[in-house]
Amino acid sequence: MKLQIVPLILSLALLAGCAGEIVSNGSAPSATDDSWSDSFNETQARINEQMAVDAANAAATQQNNDAMAAAQQIENQHNEEFNQNGLH
């Protein structure tokens, strides 16, 4: 279920990033304006970079969650052994 949420979050972040770029741009240039094309390409590059950062952060978070789950499982096993041996 967590894996289904990650793409949704990334999509929402992308939409929010795009909306921020459109609003902050101010006026709409003409279709023949080279600066518009340059601005669009720069915006796309920033969006791609942000998506890469978001994906890396999501992967790091998942690795951290996996490590925490493994540590919890080891602690649970240790507690079970401790209780079975009557050492409490």
PDB file of N, CA and C in Angstrom:
ATOM      1  N   MET A   1       0.820  -1.185   0.000  1.00  0.00           N
ATOM      2  CA  MET A   1       0.000   0.000   0.000  1.00  0.00           C
ATOM      3  C   MET A   1       0.869   1.256   0.000  1.00  0.00           C
ATOM      4  N   LYS A   2       2.003   1.220   0.728  1.00  0.00           N
ATOM      5  CA  LYS A   2       2.895   2.363   0.755  1.00  0.00           C
ATOM      6  C   LYS A   2       3.427   2.673  -0.639  1.00  0.00           C
ATOM      7  N   LEU A   3       3.684   1.631  -1.415  1.00  0.00           N
ATOM      8  CA  LEU A   3       4.228   1.838  -2.748  1.00  0.00           C
ATOM      9  C   LEU A   3       3.229   2.544  -3.653  1.00  0.00           C
ATOM     10  N   GLN A   4       1.948   2.406  -3.404  1.00  0.00           N
ATOM     11  CA  GLN A   4       0.944   3.090  -4.205  1.00  0.00           C
ATOM     12  C   GLN A   4       0.840   4.561  -3.826  1.00  0.00           C
ATOM     13  N   ILE A   5       1.204   4.903  -2.624  1.00  0.00           N
ATOM     14  CA  ILE A   5       1.109   6.276  -2.156  1.00  0.00           C
ATOM     15  C   ILE A   5       2.254   7.123  -2.706  1.00  0.00           C
ATOM     16  N   VAL A   6       3.431   6.535  -2.859  1.00  0.00           N
ATOM     17  CA  VAL A   6       4.606   7.284  -3.316  1.00  0.00           C
ATOM     18  C   VAL A   6       4.376   7.941  -4.667  1.00  0.00           C
ATOM     19  N   PRO A   7       3.876   7.231  -5.696  1.00  0.00           N
ATOM     20  CA  PRO A   7       3.644   7.924  -6.970  1.00  0.00           C
ATOM     21  C   PRO A   7       2.615   9.050  -6.854  1.00  0.00           C
ATOM     22  N   LEU A   8       1.615   8.858  -5.998  1.00  0.00           N
ATOM     23  CA  LEU A   8       0.617   9.904  -5.801  1.00  0.00           C
ATOM     24  C   LEU A   8       1.260  11.147  -5.211  1.00  0.00           C
ATOM     25  N   ILE A   9       2.104  10.957  -4.210  1.00  0.00           N
ATOM     26  CA  ILE A   9       2.785  12.088  -3.582  1.00  0.00           C
ATOM     27  C   ILE A   9       3.706  12.776  -4.583  1.00  0.00           C
ATOM     28  N   LEU A  10       4.440  11.991  -5.368  1.00  0.00           N
ATOM     29  CA  LEU A  10       5.314  12.586  -6.368  1.00  0.00           C
ATOM     30  C   LEU A  10       4.515  13.357  -7.409  1.00  0.00           C
ATOM     31  N   SER A  11       3.368  12.849  -7.814  1.00  0.00           N
ATOM     32  CA  SER A  11       2.525  13.542  -8.782  1.00  0.00           C
ATOM     33  C   SER A  11       2.017  14.859  -8.210  1.00  0.00           C
ATOM     34  N   LEU A  12       1.582  14.826  -6.953  1.00  0.00           N
ATOM     35  CA  LEU A  12       1.099  16.059  -6.328  1.00  0.00           C
ATOM     36  C   LEU A  12       2.219  17.081  -6.196  1.00  0.00           C
ATOM     37  N   ALA A  13       3.415  16.619  -5.857  1.00  0.00           N
ATOM     38  CA  ALA A  13       4.556  17.529  -5.756  1.00  0.00           C
ATOM     39  C   ALA A  13       4.870  18.142  -7.112  1.00  0.00           C
ATOM     40  N   LEU A  14       4.789  17.339  -8.149  1.00  0.00           N
ATOM     41  CA  LEU A  14       5.032  17.838  -9.501  1.00  0.00           C
ATOM     42  C   LEU A  14       3.996  18.884  -9.880  1.00  0.00           C
ATOM     43  N   LEU A  15       2.723  18.609  -9.606  1.00  0.00           N
ATOM     44  CA  LEU A  15       1.673  19.570  -9.923  1.00  0.00           C
ATOM     45  C   LEU A  15       1.858  20.866  -9.144  1.00  0.00           C
ATOM     46  N   ALA A  16       2.200  20.757  -7.889  1.00  0.00           N
ATOM     47  CA  ALA A  16       2.420  21.950  -7.075  1.00  0.00           C
ATOM     48  C   ALA A  16       3.613  22.735  -7.598  1.00  0.00           C
ATOM     49  N   GLY A  17       4.656  22.049  -7.998  1.00  0.00           N
ATOM     50  CA  GLY A  17       5.835  22.718  -8.552  1.00  0.00           C
ATOM     51  C   GLY A  17       5.518  23.421  -9.855  1.00  0.00           C
ATOM     52  N   CYS A  18       4.745  22.773 -10.714  1.00  0.00           N
ATOM     53  CA  CYS A  18       4.356  23.385 -11.993  1.00  0.00           C
ATOM     54  C   CYS A  18       3.495  24.617 -11.751  1.00  0.00           C
ATOM     55  N   ALA A  19       2.551  24.527 -10.855  1.00  0.00           N
ATOM     56  CA  ALA A  19       1.669  25.655 -10.578  1.00  0.00           C
ATOM     57  C   ALA A  19       2.469  26.829 -10.031  1.00  0.00           C
ATOM     58  N   GLY A  20       3.437  26.537  -9.194  1.00  0.00           N
ATOM     59  CA  GLY A  20       4.284  27.597  -8.652  1.00  0.00           C
ATOM     60  C   GLY A  20       5.076  28.290  -9.737  1.00  0.00           C
ATOM     61  N   GLU A  21       5.556  27.554 -10.700  1.00  0.00           N
ATOM     62  CA  GLU A  21       6.314  28.143 -11.793  1.00  0.00           C
ATOM     63  C   GLU A  21       5.429  28.994 -12.680  1.00  0.00           C
ATOM     64  N   ILE A  22       4.226  28.538 -12.950  1.00  0.00           N
ATOM     65  CA  ILE A  22       3.317  29.286 -13.820  1.00  0.00           C
ATOM     66  C   ILE A  22       2.915  30.591 -13.155  1.00  0.00           C
ATOM     67  N   VAL A  23       2.573  30.540 -11.888  1.00  0.00           N
ATOM     68  CA  VAL A  23       2.139  31.740 -11.175  1.00  0.00           C
ATOM     69  C   VAL A  23       3.282  32.729 -11.048  1.00  0.00           C
ATOM     70  N   SER A  24       4.491  32.265 -10.762  1.00  0.00           N
ATOM     71  CA  SER A  24       5.601  33.170 -10.529  1.00  0.00           C
ATOM     72  C   SER A  24       6.145  33.772 -11.820  1.00  0.00           C
ATOM     73  N   ASN A  25       5.742  33.238 -12.969  1.00  0.00           N
ATOM     74  CA  ASN A  25       6.241  33.722 -14.244  1.00  0.00           C
ATOM     75  C   ASN A  25       5.688  35.094 -14.583  1.00  0.00           C
ATOM     76  N   GLY A  26       4.513  35.422 -14.123  1.00  0.00           N
ATOM     77  CA  GLY A  26       3.955  36.742 -14.389  1.00  0.00           C
ATOM     78  C   GLY A  26       3.150  36.756 -15.665  1.00  0.00           C
ATOM     79  N   SER A  27       3.672  37.388 -16.709  1.00  0.00           N
ATOM     80  CA  SER A  27       2.925  37.526 -17.958  1.00  0.00           C
ATOM     81  C   SER A  27       3.233  36.380 -18.909  1.00  0.00           C
ATOM     82  N   ALA A  28       2.315  36.141 -19.817  1.00  0.00           N
ATOM     83  CA  ALA A  28       2.492  35.075 -20.802  1.00  0.00           C
ATOM     84  C   ALA A  28       3.152  35.653 -22.056  1.00  0.00           C
ATOM     85  N   PRO A  29       4.360  35.223 -22.415  1.00  0.00           N
ATOM     86  CA  PRO A  29       5.030  35.731 -23.601  1.00  0.00           C
ATOM     87  C   PRO A  29       4.411  35.155 -24.866  1.00  0.00           C
ATOM     88  N   SER A  30       4.736  35.756 -25.984  1.00  0.00           N
ATOM     89  CA  SER A  30       4.222  35.258 -27.256  1.00  0.00           C
ATOM     90  C   SER A  30       4.901  33.946 -27.615  1.00  0.00           C
ATOM     91  N   ALA A  31       4.254  33.191 -28.520  1.00  0.00           N
ATOM     92  CA  ALA A  31       4.762  31.878 -28.900  1.00  0.00           C
ATOM     93  C   ALA A  31       6.086  31.974 -29.646  1.00  0.00           C
ATOM     94  N   THR A  32       6.386  33.125 -30.249  1.00  0.00           N
ATOM     95  CA  THR A  32       7.624  33.269 -31.027  1.00  0.00           C
ATOM     96  C   THR A  32       8.777  33.785 -30.183  1.00  0.00           C
ATOM     97  N   ASP A  33       8.545  34.054 -28.934  1.00  0.00           N
ATOM     98  CA  ASP A  33       9.569  34.631 -28.067  1.00  0.00           C
ATOM     99  C   ASP A  33      10.556  33.553 -27.621  1.00  0.00           C
ATOM    100  N   ASP A  34      11.843  33.735 -27.944  1.00  0.00           N
ATOM    101  CA  ASP A  34      12.857  32.755 -27.561  1.00  0.00           C
ATOM    102  C   ASP A  34      13.036  32.681 -26.048  1.00  0.00           C
ATOM    103  N   SER A  35      12.826  33.787 -25.364  1.00  0.00           N
ATOM    104  CA  SER A  35      12.987  33.763 -23.912  1.00  0.00           C
ATOM    105  C   SER A  35      11.947  32.854 -23.267  1.00  0.00           C
ATOM    106  N   TRP A  36      10.755  32.761 -23.886  1.00  0.00           N
ATOM    107  CA  TRP A  36       9.730  31.859 -23.367  1.00  0.00           C
ATOM    108  C   TRP A  36      10.211  30.421 -23.479  1.00  0.00           C
ATOM    109  N   SER A  37      10.808  30.092 -24.622  1.00  0.00           N
ATOM    110  CA  SER A  37      11.314  28.735 -24.837  1.00  0.00           C
ATOM    111  C   SER A  37      12.422  28.413 -23.842  1.00  0.00           C
ATOM    112  N   ASP A  38      13.320  29.387 -23.634  1.00  0.00           N
ATOM    113  CA  ASP A  38      14.403  29.190 -22.665  1.00  0.00           C
ATOM    114  C   ASP A  38      13.841  29.023 -21.253  1.00  0.00           C
ATOM    115  N   SER A  39      12.869  29.850 -20.920  1.00  0.00           N
ATOM    116  CA  SER A  39      12.248  29.764 -19.601  1.00  0.00           C
ATOM    117  C   SER A  39      11.552  28.417 -19.407  1.00  0.00           C
ATOM    118  N   PHE A  40      10.863  27.969 -20.443  1.00  0.00           N
ATOM    119  CA  PHE A  40      10.185  26.674 -20.378  1.00  0.00           C
ATOM    120  C   PHE A  40      11.195  25.549 -20.170  1.00  0.00           C
ATOM    121  N   ASN A  41      12.283  25.589 -20.929  1.00  0.00           N
ATOM    122  CA  ASN A  41      13.313  24.547 -20.807  1.00  0.00           C
ATOM    123  C   ASN A  41      13.960  24.562 -19.430  1.00  0.00           C
ATOM    124  N   GLU A  42      14.197  25.745 -18.886  1.00  0.00           N
ATOM    125  CA  GLU A  42      14.765  25.842 -17.542  1.00  0.00           C
ATOM    126  C   GLU A  42      13.783  25.302 -16.502  1.00  0.00           C
ATOM    127  N   THR A  43      12.517  25.619 -16.694  1.00  0.00           N
ATOM    128  CA  THR A  43      11.489  25.117 -15.772  1.00  0.00           C
ATOM    129  C   THR A  43      11.422  23.599 -15.828  1.00  0.00           C
ATOM    130  N   GLN A  44      11.448  23.056 -17.034  1.00  0.00           N
ATOM    131  CA  GLN A  44      11.425  21.592 -17.184  1.00  0.00           C
ATOM    132  C   GLN A  44      12.650  20.963 -16.517  1.00  0.00           C
ATOM    133  N   ALA A  45      13.801  21.594 -16.676  1.00  0.00           N
ATOM    134  CA  ALA A  45      15.022  21.071 -16.054  1.00  0.00           C
ATOM    135  C   ALA A  45      14.895  21.078 -14.534  1.00  0.00           C
ATOM    136  N   ARG A  46      14.331  22.165 -13.970  1.00  0.00           N
ATOM    137  CA  ARG A  46      14.144  22.232 -12.521  1.00  0.00           C
ATOM    138  C   ARG A  46      13.137  21.201 -12.042  1.00  0.00           C
ATOM    139  N   ILE A  47      12.087  20.998 -12.830  1.00  0.00           N
ATOM    140  CA  ILE A  47      11.088  19.978 -12.464  1.00  0.00           C
ATOM    141  C   ILE A  47      11.731  18.599 -12.469  1.00  0.00           C
ATOM    142  N   ASN A  48      12.500  18.302 -13.499  1.00  0.00           N
ATOM    143  CA  ASN A  48      13.179  17.007 -13.581  1.00  0.00           C
ATOM    144  C   ASN A  48      14.143  16.819 -12.423  1.00  0.00           C
ATOM    145  N   GLU A  49      14.871  17.880 -12.093  1.00  0.00           N
ATOM    146  CA  GLU A  49      15.814  17.796 -10.973  1.00  0.00           C
ATOM    147  C   GLU A  49      15.071  17.555  -9.662  1.00  0.00           C
ATOM    148  N   GLN A  50      13.972  18.276  -9.464  1.00  0.00           N
ATOM    149  CA  GLN A  50      13.198  18.104  -8.227  1.00  0.00           C
ATOM    150  C   GLN A  50      12.607  16.703  -8.148  1.00  0.00           C
ATOM    151  N   MET A  51      12.145  16.183  -9.267  1.00  0.00           N
ATOM    152  CA  MET A  51      11.592  14.822  -9.267  1.00  0.00           C
ATOM    153  C   MET A  51      12.670  13.803  -8.915  1.00  0.00           C
ATOM    154  N   ALA A  52      13.892  14.027  -9.419  1.00  0.00           N
ATOM    155  CA  ALA A  52      14.992  13.117  -9.094  1.00  0.00           C
ATOM    156  C   ALA A  52      15.316  13.186  -7.599  1.00  0.00           C
ATOM    157  N   VAL A  53      15.325  14.389  -7.054  1.00  0.00           N
ATOM    158  CA  VAL A  53      15.581  14.552  -5.615  1.00  0.00           C
ATOM    159  C   VAL A  53      14.469  13.893  -4.800  1.00  0.00           C
ATOM    160  N   ASP A  54      13.216  14.117  -5.214  1.00  0.00           N
ATOM    161  CA  ASP A  54      12.084  13.502  -4.506  1.00  0.00           C
ATOM    162  C   ASP A  54      12.148  11.981  -4.552  1.00  0.00           C
ATOM    163  N   ALA A  55      12.524  11.439  -5.710  1.00  0.00           N
ATOM    164  CA  ALA A  55      12.634   9.980  -5.843  1.00  0.00           C
ATOM    165  C   ALA A  55      13.757   9.448  -4.957  1.00  0.00           C
ATOM    166  N   ALA A  56      14.883  10.158  -4.914  1.00  0.00           N
ATOM    167  CA  ALA A  56      15.999   9.727  -4.065  1.00  0.00           C
ATOM    168  C   ALA A  56      15.593   9.783  -2.592  1.00  0.00           C
ATOM    169  N   ASN A  57      14.879  10.832  -2.210  1.00  0.00           N
ATOM    170  CA  ASN A  57      14.415  10.946  -0.824  1.00  0.00           C
ATOM    171  C   ASN A  57      13.427   9.833  -0.485  1.00  0.00           C
ATOM    172  N   ALA A  58      12.552   9.515  -1.422  1.00  0.00           N
ATOM    173  CA  ALA A  58      11.585   8.432  -1.184  1.00  0.00           C
ATOM    174  C   ALA A  58      12.313   7.099  -1.022  1.00  0.00           C
ATOM    175  N   ALA A  59      13.334   6.873  -1.837  1.00  0.00           N
ATOM    176  CA  ALA A  59      14.104   5.627  -1.738  1.00  0.00           C
ATOM    177  C   ALA A  59      14.844   5.565  -0.398  1.00  0.00           C
ATOM    178  N   ALA A  60      15.430   6.688   0.018  1.00  0.00           N
ATOM    179  CA  ALA A  60      16.146   6.716   1.298  1.00  0.00           C
ATOM    180  C   ALA A  60      15.184   6.491   2.457  1.00  0.00           C
ATOM    181  N   THR A  61      14.011   7.084   2.375  1.00  0.00           N
ATOM    182  CA  THR A  61      13.004   6.893   3.421  1.00  0.00           C
ATOM    183  C   THR A  61      12.578   5.435   3.494  1.00  0.00           C
ATOM    184  N   GLN A  62      12.392   4.812   2.341  1.00  0.00           N
ATOM    185  CA  GLN A  62      11.998   3.407   2.313  1.00  0.00           C
ATOM    186  C   GLN A  62      13.092   2.524   2.913  1.00  0.00           C
ATOM    187  N   GLN A  63      14.343   2.821   2.590  1.00  0.00           N
ATOM    188  CA  GLN A  63      15.452   2.047   3.163  1.00  0.00           C
ATOM    189  C   GLN A  63      15.488   2.211   4.674  1.00  0.00           C
ATOM    190  N   ASN A  64      15.254   3.433   5.137  1.00  0.00           N
ATOM    191  CA  ASN A  64      15.236   3.670   6.579  1.00  0.00           C
ATOM    192  C   ASN A  64      14.098   2.906   7.237  1.00  0.00           C
ATOM    193  N   ASN A  65      12.929   2.928   6.609  1.00  0.00           N
ATOM    194  CA  ASN A  65      11.790   2.187   7.158  1.00  0.00           C
ATOM    195  C   ASN A  65      12.078   0.689   7.210  1.00  0.00           C
ATOM    196  N   ASP A  66      12.706   0.167   6.168  1.00  0.00           N
ATOM    197  CA  ASP A  66      13.065  -1.256   6.142  1.00  0.00           C
ATOM    198  C   ASP A  66      14.048  -1.589   7.266  1.00  0.00           C
ATOM    199  N   ALA A  67      15.016  -0.710   7.477  1.00  0.00           N
ATOM    200  CA  ALA A  67      15.999  -0.941   8.539  1.00  0.00           C
ATOM    201  C   ALA A  67      15.333  -0.901   9.913  1.00  0.00           C
ATOM    202  N   MET A  68      14.425   0.030  10.101  1.00  0.00           N
ATOM    203  CA  MET A  68      13.716   0.121  11.381  1.00  0.00           C
ATOM    204  C   MET A  68      12.857  -1.125  11.616  1.00  0.00           C
ATOM    205  N   ALA A  69      12.215  -1.623  10.567  1.00  0.00           N
ATOM    206  CA  ALA A  69      11.396  -2.828  10.696  1.00  0.00           C
ATOM    207  C   ALA A  69      12.267  -4.035  11.026  1.00  0.00           C
ATOM    208  N   ALA A  70      13.442  -4.119  10.398  1.00  0.00           N
ATOM    209  CA  ALA A  70      14.353  -5.233  10.684  1.00  0.00           C
ATOM    210  C   ALA A  70      14.844  -5.167  12.126  1.00  0.00           C
ATOM    211  N   ALA A  71      15.162  -3.968  12.589  1.00  0.00           N
ATOM    212  CA  ALA A  71      15.613  -3.818  13.978  1.00  0.00           C
ATOM    213  C   ALA A  71      14.505  -4.204  14.954  1.00  0.00           C
ATOM    214  N   GLN A  72      13.283  -3.815  14.629  1.00  0.00           N
ATOM    215  CA  GLN A  72      12.156  -4.168  15.500  1.00  0.00           C
ATOM    216  C   GLN A  72      11.940  -5.664  15.521  1.00  0.00           C
ATOM    217  N   GLN A  73      12.084  -6.306  14.374  1.00  0.00           N
ATOM    218  CA  GLN A  73      11.902  -7.755  14.304  1.00  0.00           C
ATOM    219  C   GLN A  73      12.968  -8.473  15.144  1.00  0.00           C
ATOM    220  N   ILE A  74      14.197  -8.009  15.080  1.00  0.00           N
ATOM    221  CA  ILE A  74      15.275  -8.613  15.883  1.00  0.00           C
ATOM    222  C   ILE A  74      14.997  -8.427  17.368  1.00  0.00           C
ATOM    223  N   GLU A  75      14.537  -7.225  17.737  1.00  0.00           N
ATOM    224  CA  GLU A  75      14.218  -6.974  19.143  1.00  0.00           C
ATOM    225  C   GLU A  75      13.076  -7.871  19.612  1.00  0.00           C
ATOM    226  N   ASN A  76      12.062  -8.043  18.768  1.00  0.00           N
ATOM    227  CA  ASN A  76      10.942  -8.917  19.124  1.00  0.00           C
ATOM    228  C   ASN A  76      11.403 -10.363  19.315  1.00  0.00           C
ATOM    229  N   GLN A  77      12.265 -10.841  18.424  1.00  0.00           N
ATOM    230  CA  GLN A  77      12.784 -12.210  18.550  1.00  0.00           C
ATOM    231  C   GLN A  77      13.587 -12.369  19.830  1.00  0.00           C
ATOM    232  N   HIS A  78      14.395 -11.367  20.144  1.00  0.00           N
ATOM    233  CA  HIS A  78      15.186 -11.416  21.375  1.00  0.00           C
ATOM    234  C   HIS A  78      14.267 -11.466  22.595  1.00  0.00           C
ATOM    235  N   ASN A  79      13.216 -10.662  22.577  1.00  0.00           N
ATOM    236  CA  ASN A  79      12.279 -10.654  23.699  1.00  0.00           C
ATOM    237  C   ASN A  79      11.567 -11.995  23.837  1.00  0.00           C
ATOM    238  N   GLU A  80      11.209 -12.605  22.717  1.00  0.00           N
ATOM    239  CA  GLU A  80      10.564 -13.920  22.760  1.00  0.00           C
ATOM    240  C   GLU A  80      11.496 -14.958  23.374  1.00  0.00           C
ATOM    241  N   GLU A  81      12.755 -14.960  22.951  1.00  0.00           N
ATOM    242  CA  GLU A  81      13.737 -15.908  23.498  1.00  0.00           C
ATOM    243  C   GLU A  81      13.937 -15.667  24.989  1.00  0.00           C
ATOM    244  N   PHE A  82      14.016 -14.415  25.358  1.00  0.00           N
ATOM    245  CA  PHE A  82      14.206 -14.055  26.756  1.00  0.00           C
ATOM    246  C   PHE A  82      13.038 -14.578  27.603  1.00  0.00           C
ATOM    247  N   ASN A  83      11.826 -14.380  27.107  1.00  0.00           N
ATOM    248  CA  ASN A  83      10.642 -14.822  27.859  1.00  0.00           C
ATOM    249  C   ASN A  83      10.517 -16.345  27.876  1.00  0.00           C
ATOM    250  N   GLN A  84      10.906 -17.022  26.815  1.00  0.00           N
ATOM    251  CA  GLN A  84      10.834 -18.476  26.772  1.00  0.00           C
ATOM    252  C   GLN A  84      11.831 -19.131  27.707  1.00  0.00           C
ATOM    253  N   ASN A  85      12.952 -18.485  27.931  1.00  0.00           N
ATOM    254  CA  ASN A  85      13.976 -19.044  28.796  1.00  0.00           C
ATOM    255  C   ASN A  85      13.708 -18.750  30.285  1.00  0.00           C
ATOM    256  N   GLY A  86      12.650 -18.025  30.533  1.00  0.00           N
ATOM    257  CA  GLY A  86      12.278 -17.737  31.918  1.00  0.00           C
ATOM    258  C   GLY A  86      13.286 -16.867  32.625  1.00  0.00           C
ATOM    259  N   LEU A  87      13.897 -15.984  31.907  1.00  0.00           N
ATOM    260  CA  LEU A  87      14.934 -15.127  32.510  1.00  0.00           C
ATOM    261  C   LEU A  87      14.375 -13.798  33.014  1.00  0.00           C
ATOM    262  N   HIS A  88      13.097 -13.675  33.089  1.00  0.00           N
ATOM    263  CA  HIS A  88      12.514 -12.400  33.518  1.00  0.00           C
ATOM    264  C   HIS A  88      12.232 -12.322  34.972  1.00  0.00           C
TER     265      HIS A  88
END
